[in-house]
C-alpha atoms as a PDB file:
ATOM      1  CA  MET A   1     111.632  94.197  82.404  1.00  0.00           C
ATOM      2  CA  TYR A   2     112.245  93.229  79.175  1.00  0.00           C
ATOM      3  CA  VAL A   3     112.507  96.483  77.916  1.00  0.00           C
ATOM      4  CA  SER A   4     114.766  97.370  80.411  1.00  0.00           C
ATOM      5  CA  VAL A   5     117.027  94.844  80.078  1.00  0.00           C
ATOM      6  CA  THR A   6     117.138  95.884  76.435  1.00  0.00           C
ATOM      7  CA  GLU A   7     117.414  99.486  76.850  1.00  0.00           C
ATOM      8  CA  ARG A   8     120.705  99.041  79.578  1.00  0.00           C
ATOM      9  CA  THR A   9     122.652  96.285  77.076  1.00  0.00           C
ATOM     10  CA  ARG A  10     125.474  98.462  76.640  1.00  0.00           C
ATOM     11  CA  GLU A  11     125.531  98.856  80.613  1.00  0.00           C
ATOM     12  CA  ILE A  12     125.232  94.992  81.202  1.00  0.00           C
ATOM     13  CA  GLY A  13     128.113  94.339  78.670  1.00  0.00           C
ATOM     14  CA  LEU A  14     130.382  96.859  80.686  1.00  0.00           C
ATOM     15  CA  ARG A  15     129.603  95.461  83.598  1.00  0.00           C
ATOM     16  CA  MET A  16     130.343  92.139  82.666  1.00  0.00           C
ATOM     17  CA  SER A  17     133.435  93.150  81.063  1.00  0.00           C
ATOM     18  CA  ILE A  18     134.923  94.911  84.360  1.00  0.00           C
ATOM     19  CA  GLY A  19     134.275  91.555  85.907  1.00  0.00           C
ATOM     20  CA  ALA A  20     130.449  91.105  87.024  1.00  0.00           C
ATOM     21  CA  ARG A  21     129.708  87.892  86.836  1.00  0.00           C
ATOM     22  CA  GLY A  22     126.390  86.321  84.987  1.00  0.00           C
ATOM     23  CA  ILE A  23     125.043  86.051  88.538  1.00  0.00           C
ATOM     24  CA  ASP A  24     125.626  89.194  89.146  1.00  0.00           C
ATOM     25  CA  ILE A  25     123.691  90.780  86.568  1.00  0.00           C
ATOM     26  CA  LEU A  26     120.825  88.279  87.018  1.00  0.00           C
ATOM     27  CA  LEU A  27     120.077  89.209  90.843  1.00  0.00           C
ATOM     28  CA  GLN A  28     120.335  92.855  89.806  1.00  0.00           C
ATOM     29  CA  PHE A  29     117.433  92.944  87.538  1.00  0.00           C
ATOM     30  CA  LEU A  30     115.877  90.468  89.450  1.00  0.00           C
ATOM     31  CA  ILE A  31     116.273  91.939  92.342  1.00  0.00           C
ATOM     32  CA  GLU A  32     114.885  95.492  90.434  1.00  0.00           C
ATOM     33  CA  ALA A  33     111.299  93.200  89.295  1.00  0.00           C
ATOM     34  CA  ILE A  34     110.688  92.376  93.054  1.00  0.00           C
ATOM     35  CA  VAL A  35     111.327  95.941  94.085  1.00  0.00           C
ATOM     36  CA  ILE A  36     109.029  97.162  91.432  1.00  0.00           C
ATOM     37  CA  SER A  37     106.452  94.946  92.169  1.00  0.00           C
ATOM     38  CA  VAL A  38     106.379  94.911  95.894  1.00  0.00           C
ATOM     39  CA  THR A  39     106.356  98.682  95.713  1.00  0.00           C
ATOM     40  CA  GLY A  40     102.991  98.723  93.383  1.00  0.00           C
ATOM     41  CA  GLY A  41     102.100  96.153  96.061  1.00  0.00           C
ATOM     42  CA  VAL A  42     102.594  98.641  99.222  1.00  0.00           C
ATOM     43  CA  ILE A  43     100.879 101.344  97.179  1.00  0.00           C
ATOM     44  CA  GLY A  44      98.137  99.102  96.480  1.00  0.00           C
ATOM     45  CA  VAL A  45      97.446  98.308 100.171  1.00  0.00           C
ATOM     46  CA  ILE A  46      97.524 101.959 101.256  1.00  0.00           C
ATOM     47  CA  LEU A  47      95.042 102.719  98.789  1.00  0.00           C
ATOM     48  CA  GLY A  48      92.737  99.890  99.600  1.00  0.00           C
ATOM     49  CA  VAL A  49      93.127  99.892 103.772  1.00  0.00           C
ATOM     50  CA  SER A  50      92.584 104.342 102.648  1.00  0.00           C
ATOM     51  CA  ALA A  51      89.329 102.710 100.728  1.00  0.00           C
ATOM     52  CA  ALA A  52      88.229 100.423 103.856  1.00  0.00           C
ATOM     53  CA  ILE A  53      88.214 103.439 106.067  1.00  0.00           C
ATOM     54  CA  ILE A  54      86.786 105.854 103.849  1.00  0.00           C
ATOM     55  CA  VAL A  55      83.542 103.802 102.353  1.00  0.00           C
ATOM     56  CA  PRO A  56      82.242 102.889 105.997  1.00  0.00           C
ATOM     57  CA  ALA A  57      82.824 106.504 107.050  1.00  0.00           C
ATOM     58  CA  SER A  58      80.890 107.430 103.870  1.00  0.00           C
ATOM     59  CA  LEU A  59      78.312 104.803 103.136  1.00  0.00           C
ATOM     60  CA  ASN A  60      77.591 103.196 105.773  1.00  0.00           C
ATOM     61  CA  TRP A  61      79.191  99.131 104.837  1.00  0.00           C
ATOM     62  CA  PRO A  62      81.300  97.872 106.942  1.00  0.00           C
ATOM     63  CA  THR A  63      84.471  96.365 105.483  1.00  0.00           C
ATOM     64  CA  VAL A  64      87.206  94.538 107.155  1.00  0.00           C
ATOM     65  CA  VAL A  65      90.932  94.584 106.164  1.00  0.00           C
ATOM     66  CA  SER A  66      92.709  91.079 107.483  1.00  0.00           C
ATOM     67  CA  GLU A  67      96.306  90.557 108.064  1.00  0.00           C
ATOM     68  CA  PHE A  68      95.805  87.874 106.041  1.00  0.00           C
ATOM     69  CA  SER A  69      94.889  89.687 102.874  1.00  0.00           C
ATOM     70  CA  ILE A  70      97.829  92.083 103.229  1.00  0.00           C
ATOM     71  CA  VAL A  71     100.532  89.463 103.235  1.00  0.00           C
ATOM     72  CA  ILE A  72      98.959  87.519  99.929  1.00  0.00           C
ATOM     73  CA  SER A  73      98.820  90.628  98.664  1.00  0.00           C
ATOM     74  CA  PHE A  74     102.333  90.863  98.883  1.00  0.00           C
ATOM     75  CA  LEU A  75     103.089  87.506  98.224  1.00  0.00           C
ATOM     76  CA  VAL A  76     101.388  87.734  94.903  1.00  0.00           C
ATOM     77  CA  CYS A  77     103.687  91.007  94.460  1.00  0.00           C
ATOM     78  CA  ALA A  78     106.669  89.293  94.711  1.00  0.00           C
ATOM     79  CA  ILE A  79     105.674  86.422  93.081  1.00  0.00           C
ATOM     80  CA  THR A  80     104.823  88.168  90.105  1.00  0.00           C
ATOM     81  CA  GLY A  81     107.873  90.089  89.894  1.00  0.00           C
ATOM     82  CA  ILE A  82     109.728  86.927  90.212  1.00  0.00           C
ATOM     83  CA  PHE A  83     107.698  85.337  87.503  1.00  0.00           C
ATOM     84  CA  PHE A  84     108.192  88.512  84.862  1.00  0.00           C
ATOM     85  CA  GLY A  85     111.818  89.509  85.757  1.00  0.00           C
ATOM     86  CA  TYR A  86     113.181  86.017  85.683  1.00  0.00           C
ATOM     87  CA  TYR A  87     113.305  85.495  81.677  1.00  0.00           C
ATOM     88  CA  PRO A  88     114.329  89.136  80.956  1.00  0.00           C
ATOM     89  CA  ALA A  89     117.379  88.402  83.973  1.00  0.00           C
ATOM     90  CA  LEU A  90     118.454  85.299  82.724  1.00  0.00           C
ATOM     91  CA  LYS A  91     118.618  86.772  78.864  1.00  0.00           C
ATOM     92  CA  ALA A  92     121.066  89.840  80.708  1.00  0.00           C
ATOM     93  CA  SER A  93     123.170  87.475  82.330  1.00  0.00           C
ATOM     94  CA  ARG A  94     123.631  85.557  79.223  1.00  0.00           C
ATOM     95  CA  LEU A  95     125.084  88.315  76.987  1.00  0.00           C
ATOM     96  CA  ASP A  96     128.543  87.954  75.569  1.00  0.00           C
ATOM     97  CA  PRO A  97     130.185  91.263  76.701  1.00  0.00           C
ATOM     98  CA  ILE A  98     131.436  92.267  73.293  1.00  0.00           C
ATOM     99  CA  GLU A  99     128.294  92.063  71.711  1.00  0.00           C
ATOM    100  CA  ALA A 100     126.568  93.785  74.304  1.00  0.00           C
ATOM    101  CA  LEU A 101     129.369  96.854  74.485  1.00  0.00           C
ATOM    102  CA  ARG A 102     128.878  96.986  70.337  1.00  0.00           C
ATOM    103  CA  TYR A 103     125.008  97.072  70.365  1.00  0.00           C
ATOM    104  CA  GLU A 104     123.569 100.218  69.448  1.00  0.00           C
END
């Protein structure tokens, strides 16, 4: 997310110069971080459940996937997105629009 904020500095400056508030920029990057994290979580759950179906069929090992483990995995993904997305989003929301537009 830090790289994403750095690469999109001009876009942030443009949005702020036409009226976007700091909270708007903060929410944009925070939601983006959460969506990316949860998408990774969905892919992980699909692969995990697929493995839990394939392994017993091929190796005769019993496996159980509980709903609780799926919910916990989504919570961990969302918390990771919030934790690692908050600082870059905060940095982006505090940029000076003029300096951000000059950034190259």
